[in-house]
PDB file of N, CA and C in Angstrom:
ATOM      1  N   MET A   1     -20.069  22.994 -11.931  1.00  0.00           N
ATOM      2  CA  MET A   1     -21.212  22.104 -11.785  1.00  0.00           C
ATOM      3  C   MET A   1     -20.940  21.146 -10.629  1.00  0.00           C
ATOM      4  N   ALA A   2     -21.862  21.041  -9.716  1.00  0.00           N
ATOM      5  CA  ALA A   2     -21.697  20.180  -8.546  1.00  0.00           C
ATOM      6  C   ALA A   2     -21.871  18.723  -8.944  1.00  0.00           C
ATOM      7  N   LYS A   3     -21.095  17.874  -8.277  1.00  0.00           N
ATOM      8  CA  LYS A   3     -21.224  16.443  -8.528  1.00  0.00           C
ATOM      9  C   LYS A   3     -22.521  15.950  -7.908  1.00  0.00           C
ATOM     10  N   SER A   4     -23.240  15.106  -8.636  1.00  0.00           N
ATOM     11  CA  SER A   4     -24.440  14.518  -8.053  1.00  0.00           C
ATOM     12  C   SER A   4     -24.004  13.383  -7.130  1.00  0.00           C
ATOM     13  N   ARG A   5     -24.753  13.218  -6.081  1.00  0.00           N
ATOM     14  CA  ARG A   5     -24.407  12.196  -5.101  1.00  0.00           C
ATOM     15  C   ARG A   5     -25.535  11.194  -4.992  1.00  0.00           C
ATOM     16  N   ILE A   6     -25.167   9.962  -4.747  1.00  0.00           N
ATOM     17  CA  ILE A   6     -26.161   8.924  -4.498  1.00  0.00           C
ATOM     18  C   ILE A   6     -25.813   8.257  -3.177  1.00  0.00           C
ATOM     19  N   PHE A   7     -26.728   7.514  -2.648  1.00  0.00           N
ATOM     20  CA  PHE A   7     -26.510   6.806  -1.399  1.00  0.00           C
ATOM     21  C   PHE A   7     -26.401   5.320  -1.674  1.00  0.00           C
ATOM     22  N   ILE A   8     -25.473   4.680  -0.980  1.00  0.00           N
ATOM     23  CA  ILE A   8     -25.288   3.237  -1.093  1.00  0.00           C
ATOM     24  C   ILE A   8     -25.588   2.648   0.275  1.00  0.00           C
ATOM     25  N   SER A   9     -26.395   1.630   0.317  1.00  0.00           N
ATOM     26  CA  SER A   9     -26.708   0.953   1.583  1.00  0.00           C
ATOM     27  C   SER A   9     -25.938  -0.353   1.659  1.00  0.00           C
ATOM     28  N   ILE A  10     -25.454  -0.653   2.845  1.00  0.00           N
ATOM     29  CA  ILE A  10     -24.797  -1.941   3.065  1.00  0.00           C
ATOM     30  C   ILE A  10     -25.417  -2.586   4.297  1.00  0.00           C
ATOM     31  N   GLU A  11     -25.311  -3.874   4.366  1.00  0.00           N
ATOM     32  CA  GLU A  11     -25.852  -4.599   5.505  1.00  0.00           C
ATOM     33  C   GLU A  11     -24.709  -4.977   6.434  1.00  0.00           C
ATOM     34  N   THR A  12     -24.863  -4.665   7.710  1.00  0.00           N
ATOM     35  CA  THR A  12     -23.861  -4.999   8.707  1.00  0.00           C
ATOM     36  C   THR A  12     -24.551  -5.142  10.055  1.00  0.00           C
ATOM     37  N   THR A  13     -23.809  -5.469  11.078  1.00  0.00           N
ATOM     38  CA  THR A  13     -24.390  -5.561  12.414  1.00  0.00           C
ATOM     39  C   THR A  13     -24.345  -4.192  13.083  1.00  0.00           C
ATOM     40  N   ASN A  14     -25.188  -4.012  14.064  1.00  0.00           N
ATOM     41  CA  ASN A  14     -25.200  -2.755  14.811  1.00  0.00           C
ATOM     42  C   ASN A  14     -23.854  -2.541  15.508  1.00  0.00           C
ATOM     43  N   GLU A  15     -23.260  -3.628  16.007  1.00  0.00           N
ATOM     44  CA  GLU A  15     -21.969  -3.527  16.688  1.00  0.00           C
ATOM     45  C   GLU A  15     -20.885  -3.028  15.737  1.00  0.00           C
ATOM     46  N   THR A  16     -20.871  -3.555  14.511  1.00  0.00           N
ATOM     47  CA  THR A  16     -19.882  -3.122  13.524  1.00  0.00           C
ATOM     48  C   THR A  16     -20.109  -1.669  13.153  1.00  0.00           C
ATOM     49  N   ARG A  17     -21.352  -1.284  12.950  1.00  0.00           N
ATOM     50  CA  ARG A  17     -21.674   0.099  12.610  1.00  0.00           C
ATOM     51  C   ARG A  17     -21.208   1.051  13.705  1.00  0.00           C
ATOM     52  N   GLU A  18     -21.482   0.703  14.949  1.00  0.00           N
ATOM     53  CA  GLU A  18     -21.092   1.565  16.061  1.00  0.00           C
ATOM     54  C   GLU A  18     -19.570   1.632  16.212  1.00  0.00           C
ATOM     55  N   ALA A  19     -18.890   0.493  16.023  1.00  0.00           N
ATOM     56  CA  ALA A  19     -17.425   0.472  16.114  1.00  0.00           C
ATOM     57  C   ALA A  19     -16.814   1.332  15.008  1.00  0.00           C
ATOM     58  N   LEU A  20     -17.369   1.244  13.808  1.00  0.00           N
ATOM     59  CA  LEU A  20     -16.895   2.059  12.690  1.00  0.00           C
ATOM     60  C   LEU A  20     -17.095   3.538  12.987  1.00  0.00           C
ATOM     61  N   LYS A  21     -18.249   3.878  13.518  1.00  0.00           N
ATOM     62  CA  LYS A  21     -18.547   5.266  13.837  1.00  0.00           C
ATOM     63  C   LYS A  21     -17.602   5.793  14.918  1.00  0.00           C
ATOM     64  N   ARG A  22     -17.347   4.987  15.968  1.00  0.00           N
ATOM     65  CA  ARG A  22     -16.430   5.404  17.046  1.00  0.00           C
ATOM     66  C   ARG A  22     -15.019   5.626  16.520  1.00  0.00           C
ATOM     67  N   LYS A  23     -14.536   4.680  15.704  1.00  0.00           N
ATOM     68  CA  LYS A  23     -13.173   4.808  15.192  1.00  0.00           C
ATOM     69  C   LYS A  23     -13.043   6.005  14.255  1.00  0.00           C
ATOM     70  N   ALA A  24     -14.006   6.172  13.371  1.00  0.00           N
ATOM     71  CA  ALA A  24     -13.971   7.318  12.445  1.00  0.00           C
ATOM     72  C   ALA A  24     -13.982   8.621  13.232  1.00  0.00           C
ATOM     73  N   THR A  25     -14.845   8.710  14.219  1.00  0.00           N
ATOM     74  CA  THR A  25     -14.934   9.923  15.041  1.00  0.00           C
ATOM     75  C   THR A  25     -13.625  10.178  15.773  1.00  0.00           C
ATOM     76  N   SER A  26     -13.014   9.116  16.291  1.00  0.00           N
ATOM     77  CA  SER A  26     -11.744   9.284  17.015  1.00  0.00           C
ATOM     78  C   SER A  26     -10.633   9.782  16.102  1.00  0.00           C
ATOM     79  N   GLU A  27     -10.767   9.535  14.795  1.00  0.00           N
ATOM     80  CA  GLU A  27      -9.783   9.998  13.810  1.00  0.00           C
ATOM     81  C   GLU A  27     -10.202  11.320  13.168  1.00  0.00           C
ATOM     82  N   GLY A  28     -11.297  11.906  13.665  1.00  0.00           N
ATOM     83  CA  GLY A  28     -11.770  13.179  13.123  1.00  0.00           C
ATOM     84  C   GLY A  28     -12.412  13.044  11.758  1.00  0.00           C
ATOM     85  N   LYS A  29     -12.961  11.871  11.462  1.00  0.00           N
ATOM     86  CA  LYS A  29     -13.585  11.618  10.162  1.00  0.00           C
ATOM     87  C   LYS A  29     -15.039  11.226  10.357  1.00  0.00           C
ATOM     88  N   THR A  30     -15.778  11.262   9.265  1.00  0.00           N
ATOM     89  CA  THR A  30     -17.135  10.725   9.271  1.00  0.00           C
ATOM     90  C   THR A  30     -17.102   9.322   8.680  1.00  0.00           C
ATOM     91  N   VAL A  31     -18.152   8.563   8.947  1.00  0.00           N
ATOM     92  CA  VAL A  31     -18.257   7.229   8.357  1.00  0.00           C
ATOM     93  C   VAL A  31     -18.270   7.336   6.835  1.00  0.00           C
ATOM     94  N   THR A  32     -18.949   8.339   6.318  1.00  0.00           N
ATOM     95  CA  THR A  32     -18.997   8.546   4.867  1.00  0.00           C
ATOM     96  C   THR A  32     -17.604   8.769   4.306  1.00  0.00           C
ATOM     97  N   GLU A  33     -16.789   9.580   4.986  1.00  0.00           N
ATOM     98  CA  GLU A  33     -15.418   9.827   4.510  1.00  0.00           C
ATOM     99  C   GLU A  33     -14.603   8.538   4.500  1.00  0.00           C
ATOM    100  N   VAL A  34     -14.740   7.739   5.558  1.00  0.00           N
ATOM    101  CA  VAL A  34     -13.977   6.487   5.650  1.00  0.00           C
ATOM    102  C   VAL A  34     -14.395   5.526   4.541  1.00  0.00           C
ATOM    103  N   VAL A  35     -15.689   5.347   4.364  1.00  0.00           N
ATOM    104  CA  VAL A  35     -16.185   4.408   3.347  1.00  0.00           C
ATOM    105  C   VAL A  35     -15.850   4.911   1.942  1.00  0.00           C
ATOM    106  N   SER A  36     -15.989   6.208   1.720  1.00  0.00           N
ATOM    107  CA  SER A  36     -15.644   6.770   0.407  1.00  0.00           C
ATOM    108  C   SER A  36     -14.166   6.557   0.095  1.00  0.00           C
ATOM    109  N   GLN A  37     -13.301   6.747   1.102  1.00  0.00           N
ATOM    110  CA  GLN A  37     -11.873   6.524   0.903  1.00  0.00           C
ATOM    111  C   GLN A  37     -11.603   5.063   0.559  1.00  0.00           C
ATOM    112  N   MET A  38     -12.274   4.152   1.252  1.00  0.00           N
ATOM    113  CA  MET A  38     -12.082   2.726   0.966  1.00  0.00           C
ATOM    114  C   MET A  38     -12.529   2.393  -0.454  1.00  0.00           C
ATOM    115  N   ILE A  39     -13.638   2.968  -0.881  1.00  0.00           N
ATOM    116  CA  ILE A  39     -14.123   2.715  -2.239  1.00  0.00           C
ATOM    117  C   ILE A  39     -13.135   3.254  -3.264  1.00  0.00           C
ATOM    118  N   ASN A  40     -12.649   4.472  -3.053  1.00  0.00           N
ATOM    119  CA  ASN A  40     -11.680   5.049  -3.994  1.00  0.00           C
ATOM    120  C   ASN A  40     -10.398   4.234  -4.048  1.00  0.00           C
ATOM    121  N   GLU A  41      -9.930   3.783  -2.894  1.00  0.00           N
ATOM    122  CA  GLU A  41      -8.721   2.953  -2.883  1.00  0.00           C
ATOM    123  C   GLU A  41      -8.969   1.635  -3.599  1.00  0.00           C
ATOM    124  N   TYR A  42     -10.139   1.062  -3.394  1.00  0.00           N
ATOM    125  CA  TYR A  42     -10.473  -0.191  -4.056  1.00  0.00           C
ATOM    126  C   TYR A  42     -10.501  -0.017  -5.566  1.00  0.00           C
ATOM    127  N   LEU A  43     -11.082   1.055  -6.011  1.00  0.00           N
ATOM    128  CA  LEU A  43     -11.172   1.315  -7.447  1.00  0.00           C
ATOM    129  C   LEU A  43      -9.863   1.837  -8.019  1.00  0.00           C
ATOM    130  N   ASN A  44      -8.996   2.340  -7.135  1.00  0.00           N
ATOM    131  CA  ASN A  44      -7.709   2.910  -7.523  1.00  0.00           C
ATOM    132  C   ASN A  44      -7.909   4.002  -8.570  1.00  0.00           C
ATOM    133  N   THR A  45      -8.891   4.871  -8.300  1.00  0.00           N
ATOM    134  CA  THR A  45      -9.188   5.963  -9.222  1.00  0.00           C
ATOM    135  C   THR A  45      -8.086   7.004  -9.155  1.00  0.00           C
ATOM    136  N   SER A  46      -7.988   7.818 -10.184  1.00  0.00           N
ATOM    137  CA  SER A  46      -6.978   8.866 -10.189  1.00  0.00           C
ATOM    138  C   SER A  46      -7.239   9.818  -9.037  1.00  0.00           C
ATOM    139  N   GLY A  47      -6.170  10.241  -8.416  1.00  0.00           N
ATOM    140  CA  GLY A  47      -6.282  11.135  -7.272  1.00  0.00           C
ATOM    141  C   GLY A  47      -6.422  10.390  -5.967  1.00  0.00           C
ATOM    142  N   ALA A  48      -6.701   9.104  -6.025  1.00  0.00           N
ATOM    143  CA  ALA A  48      -6.806   8.326  -4.797  1.00  0.00           C
ATOM    144  C   ALA A  48      -5.414   7.866  -4.387  1.00  0.00           C
ATOM    145  N   LYS A  49      -5.245   7.703  -3.109  1.00  0.00           N
ATOM    146  CA  LYS A  49      -3.966   7.203  -2.603  1.00  0.00           C
ATOM    147  C   LYS A  49      -3.767   5.771  -3.057  1.00  0.00           C
ATOM    148  N   GLU A  50      -2.509   5.318  -2.992  1.00  0.00           N
ATOM    149  CA  GLU A  50      -2.220   3.923  -3.300  1.00  0.00           C
ATOM    150  C   GLU A  50      -2.926   3.067  -2.259  1.00  0.00           C
ATOM    151  N   PRO A  51      -3.551   1.970  -2.650  1.00  0.00           N
ATOM    152  CA  PRO A  51      -4.281   1.150  -1.691  1.00  0.00           C
ATOM    153  C   PRO A  51      -3.397   0.731  -0.512  1.00  0.00           C
ATOM    154  N   GLN A  52      -3.921   0.921   0.688  1.00  0.00           N
ATOM    155  CA  GLN A  52      -3.153   0.589   1.885  1.00  0.00           C
ATOM    156  C   GLN A  52      -2.868  -0.900   1.958  1.00  0.00           C
ATOM    157  N   GLY A  53      -3.803  -1.719   1.477  1.00  0.00           N
ATOM    158  CA  GLY A  53      -3.586  -3.160   1.521  1.00  0.00           C
ATOM    159  C   GLY A  53      -2.326  -3.560   0.784  1.00  0.00           C
ATOM    160  N   THR A  54      -2.069  -2.928  -0.331  1.00  0.00           N
ATOM    161  CA  THR A  54      -0.861  -3.219  -1.095  1.00  0.00           C
ATOM    162  C   THR A  54       0.368  -2.864  -0.271  1.00  0.00           C
ATOM    163  N   ASN A  55       0.340  -1.708   0.370  1.00  0.00           N
ATOM    164  CA  ASN A  55       1.470  -1.300   1.185  1.00  0.00           C
ATOM    165  C   ASN A  55       1.708  -2.272   2.325  1.00  0.00           C
ATOM    166  N   VAL A  56       0.647  -2.707   2.966  1.00  0.00           N
ATOM    167  CA  VAL A  56       0.781  -3.621   4.089  1.00  0.00           C
ATOM    168  C   VAL A  56       1.364  -4.948   3.623  1.00  0.00           C
ATOM    169  N   ILE A  57       0.879  -5.448   2.509  1.00  0.00           N
ATOM    170  CA  ILE A  57       1.387  -6.716   1.985  1.00  0.00           C
ATOM    171  C   ILE A  57       2.865  -6.580   1.634  1.00  0.00           C
ATOM    172  N   ASP A  58       3.222  -5.480   0.970  1.00  0.00           N
ATOM    173  CA  ASP A  58       4.629  -5.256   0.629  1.00  0.00           C
ATOM    174  C   ASP A  58       5.483  -5.171   1.879  1.00  0.00           C
ATOM    175  N   LEU A  59       5.011  -4.464   2.881  1.00  0.00           N
ATOM    176  CA  LEU A  59       5.765  -4.328   4.128  1.00  0.00           C
ATOM    177  C   LEU A  59       5.920  -5.670   4.824  1.00  0.00           C
ATOM    178  N   GLN A  60       4.858  -6.461   4.861  1.00  0.00           N
ATOM    179  CA  GLN A  60       4.935  -7.779   5.489  1.00  0.00           C
ATOM    180  C   GLN A  60       5.974  -8.650   4.782  1.00  0.00           C
ATOM    181  N   GLN A  61       5.987  -8.596   3.460  1.00  0.00           N
ATOM    182  CA  GLN A  61       6.943  -9.390   2.698  1.00  0.00           C
ATOM    183  C   GLN A  61       8.367  -8.921   2.987  1.00  0.00           C
ATOM    184  N   LYS A  62       8.583  -7.611   3.032  1.00  0.00           N
ATOM    185  CA  LYS A  62       9.912  -7.078   3.305  1.00  0.00           C
ATOM    186  C   LYS A  62      10.376  -7.424   4.717  1.00  0.00           C
ATOM    187  N   VAL A  63       9.462  -7.378   5.671  1.00  0.00           N
ATOM    188  CA  VAL A  63       9.813  -7.744   7.041  1.00  0.00           C
ATOM    189  C   VAL A  63      10.216  -9.212   7.104  1.00  0.00           C
ATOM    190  N   GLN A  64       9.478 -10.075   6.422  1.00  0.00           N
ATOM    191  CA  GLN A  64       9.817 -11.496   6.400  1.00  0.00           C
ATOM    192  C   GLN A  64      11.191 -11.717   5.767  1.00  0.00           C
ATOM    193  N   GLU A  65      11.477 -11.004   4.679  1.00  0.00           N
ATOM    194  CA  GLU A  65      12.782 -11.134   4.034  1.00  0.00           C
ATOM    195  C   GLU A  65      13.895 -10.667   4.970  1.00  0.00           C
ATOM    196  N   MET A  66      13.642  -9.558   5.665  1.00  0.00           N
ATOM    197  CA  MET A  66      14.646  -9.035   6.590  1.00  0.00           C
ATOM    198  C   MET A  66      14.854  -9.984   7.765  1.00  0.00           C
ATOM    199  N   GLN A  67      13.785 -10.607   8.250  1.00  0.00           N
ATOM    200  CA  GLN A  67      13.911 -11.565   9.333  1.00  0.00           C
ATOM    201  C   GLN A  67      14.737 -12.765   8.896  1.00  0.00           C
ATOM    202  N   GLN A  68      14.538 -13.200   7.666  1.00  0.00           N
ATOM    203  CA  GLN A  68      15.300 -14.335   7.151  1.00  0.00           C
ATOM    204  C   GLN A  68      16.785 -13.978   7.045  1.00  0.00           C
ATOM    205  N   VAL A  69      17.097 -12.801   6.522  1.00  0.00           N
ATOM    206  CA  VAL A  69      18.490 -12.361   6.414  1.00  0.00           C
ATOM    207  C   VAL A  69      19.106 -12.231   7.804  1.00  0.00           C
ATOM    208  N   LEU A  70      18.347 -11.659   8.737  1.00  0.00           N
ATOM    209  CA  LEU A  70      18.846 -11.512  10.102  1.00  0.00           C
ATOM    210  C   LEU A  70      19.131 -12.867  10.726  1.00  0.00           C
ATOM    211  N   GLU A  71      18.260 -13.827  10.497  1.00  0.00           N
ATOM    212  CA  GLU A  71      18.469 -15.170  11.029  1.00  0.00           C
ATOM    213  C   GLU A  71      19.738 -15.794  10.431  1.00  0.00           C
ATOM    214  N   GLU A  72      19.926 -15.629   9.124  1.00  0.00           N
ATOM    215  CA  GLU A  72      21.134 -16.168   8.478  1.00  0.00           C
ATOM    216  C   GLU A  72      22.389 -15.510   9.042  1.00  0.00           C
ATOM    217  N   HIS A  73      22.350 -14.208   9.235  1.00  0.00           N
ATOM    218  CA  HIS A  73      23.506 -13.495   9.769  1.00  0.00           C
ATOM    219  C   HIS A  73      23.766 -13.876  11.221  1.00  0.00           C
ATOM    220  N   THR A  74      22.714 -14.098  11.976  1.00  0.00           N
ATOM    221  CA  THR A  74      22.863 -14.525  13.363  1.00  0.00           C
ATOM    222  C   THR A  74      23.523 -15.899  13.428  1.00  0.00           C
ATOM    223  N   GLN A  75      23.125 -16.793  12.545  1.00  0.00           N
ATOM    224  CA  GLN A  75      23.742 -18.118  12.503  1.00  0.00           C
ATOM    225  C   GLN A  75      25.220 -18.016  12.148  1.00  0.00           C
ATOM    226  N   LEU A  76      25.562 -17.176  11.174  1.00  0.00           N
ATOM    227  CA  LEU A  76      26.962 -16.979  10.805  1.00  0.00           C
ATOM    228  C   LEU A  76      27.760 -16.385  11.966  1.00  0.00           C
ATOM    229  N   LEU A  77      27.184 -15.411  12.634  1.00  0.00           N
ATOM    230  CA  LEU A  77      27.853 -14.792  13.772  1.00  0.00           C
ATOM    231  C   LEU A  77      28.095 -15.810  14.874  1.00  0.00           C
ATOM    232  N   ASN A  78      27.110 -16.640  15.141  1.00  0.00           N
ATOM    233  CA  ASN A  78      27.269 -17.679  16.166  1.00  0.00           C
ATOM    234  C   ASN A  78      28.393 -18.653  15.795  1.00  0.00           C
ATOM    235  N   LYS A  79      28.482 -19.021  14.513  1.00  0.00           N
ATOM    236  CA  LYS A  79      29.553 -19.915  14.061  1.00  0.00           C
ATOM    237  C   LYS A  79      30.913 -19.254  14.235  1.00  0.00           C
ATOM    238  N   HIS A  80      31.006 -17.957  13.879  1.00  0.00           N
ATOM    239  CA  HIS A  80      32.267 -17.240  14.032  1.00  0.00           C
ATOM    240  C   HIS A  80      32.661 -17.120  15.495  1.00  0.00           C
ATOM    241  N   GLN A  81      31.695 -16.849  16.344  1.00  0.00           N
ATOM    242  CA  GLN A  81      31.986 -16.751  17.777  1.00  0.00           C
ATOM    243  C   GLN A  81      32.442 -18.090  18.334  1.00  0.00           C
ATOM    244  N   GLN A  82      31.837 -19.158  17.858  1.00  0.00           N
ATOM    245  CA  GLN A  82      32.224 -20.494  18.300  1.00  0.00           C
ATOM    246  C   GLN A  82      33.675 -20.795  17.860  1.00  0.00           C
ATOM    247  N   CYS A  83      33.991 -20.431  16.614  1.00  0.00           N
ATOM    248  CA  CYS A  83      35.349 -20.645  16.107  1.00  0.00           C
ATOM    249  C   CYS A  83      36.353 -19.830  16.904  1.00  0.00           C
ATOM    250  N   LEU A  84      36.029 -18.589  17.198  1.00  0.00           N
ATOM    251  CA  LEU A  84      36.932 -17.743  17.988  1.00  0.00           C
ATOM    252  C   LEU A  84      37.127 -18.320  19.383  1.00  0.00           C
ATOM    253  N   GLY A  85      36.074 -18.835  19.941  1.00  0.00           N
ATOM    254  CA  GLY A  85      36.156 -19.467  21.276  1.00  0.00           C
ATOM    255  C   GLY A  85      37.066 -20.678  21.242  1.00  0.00           C
ATOM    256  N   GLU A  86      36.970 -21.473  20.192  1.00  0.00           N
ATOM    257  CA  GLU A  86      37.809 -22.662  20.068  1.00  0.00           C
ATOM    258  C   GLU A  86      39.274 -22.268  19.843  1.00  0.00           C
ATOM    259  N   LEU A  87      39.499 -21.209  19.087  1.00  0.00           N
ATOM    260  CA  LEU A  87      40.866 -20.754  18.827  1.00  0.00           C
ATOM    261  C   LEU A  87      41.529 -20.200  20.088  1.00  0.00           C
ATOM    262  N   SER A  88      40.755 -19.515  20.897  1.00  0.00           N
ATOM    263  CA  SER A  88      41.330 -18.906  22.096  1.00  0.00           C
ATOM    264  C   SER A  88      41.513 -19.910  23.217  1.00  0.00           C
ATOM    265  N   ALA A  89      40.898 -21.080  23.116  1.00  0.00           N
ATOM    266  CA  ALA A  89      41.004 -22.079  24.189  1.00  0.00           C
ATOM    267  C   ALA A  89      42.252 -22.892  24.102  1.00  0.00           C
TER     268      ALA A  89
END
């Protein structure tokens, strides 16, 4: 049995509509495919991919944590280099 389909209308600017259409086309997709994917991700229905927003937020948090650790290690390295410089002088 075929799934019945309905149409959903949204209000946007012509510029946004055209930009969406250009980007979807450049990715080999239709606007309907892009919007349907966004809806499925939003609803987190079975069979849908994990929402990209969650991945991006997780990645941003991990990058920030890594930057903080790197900064701490850089400070320690600088202190060690300073100590070695003082010892060799």
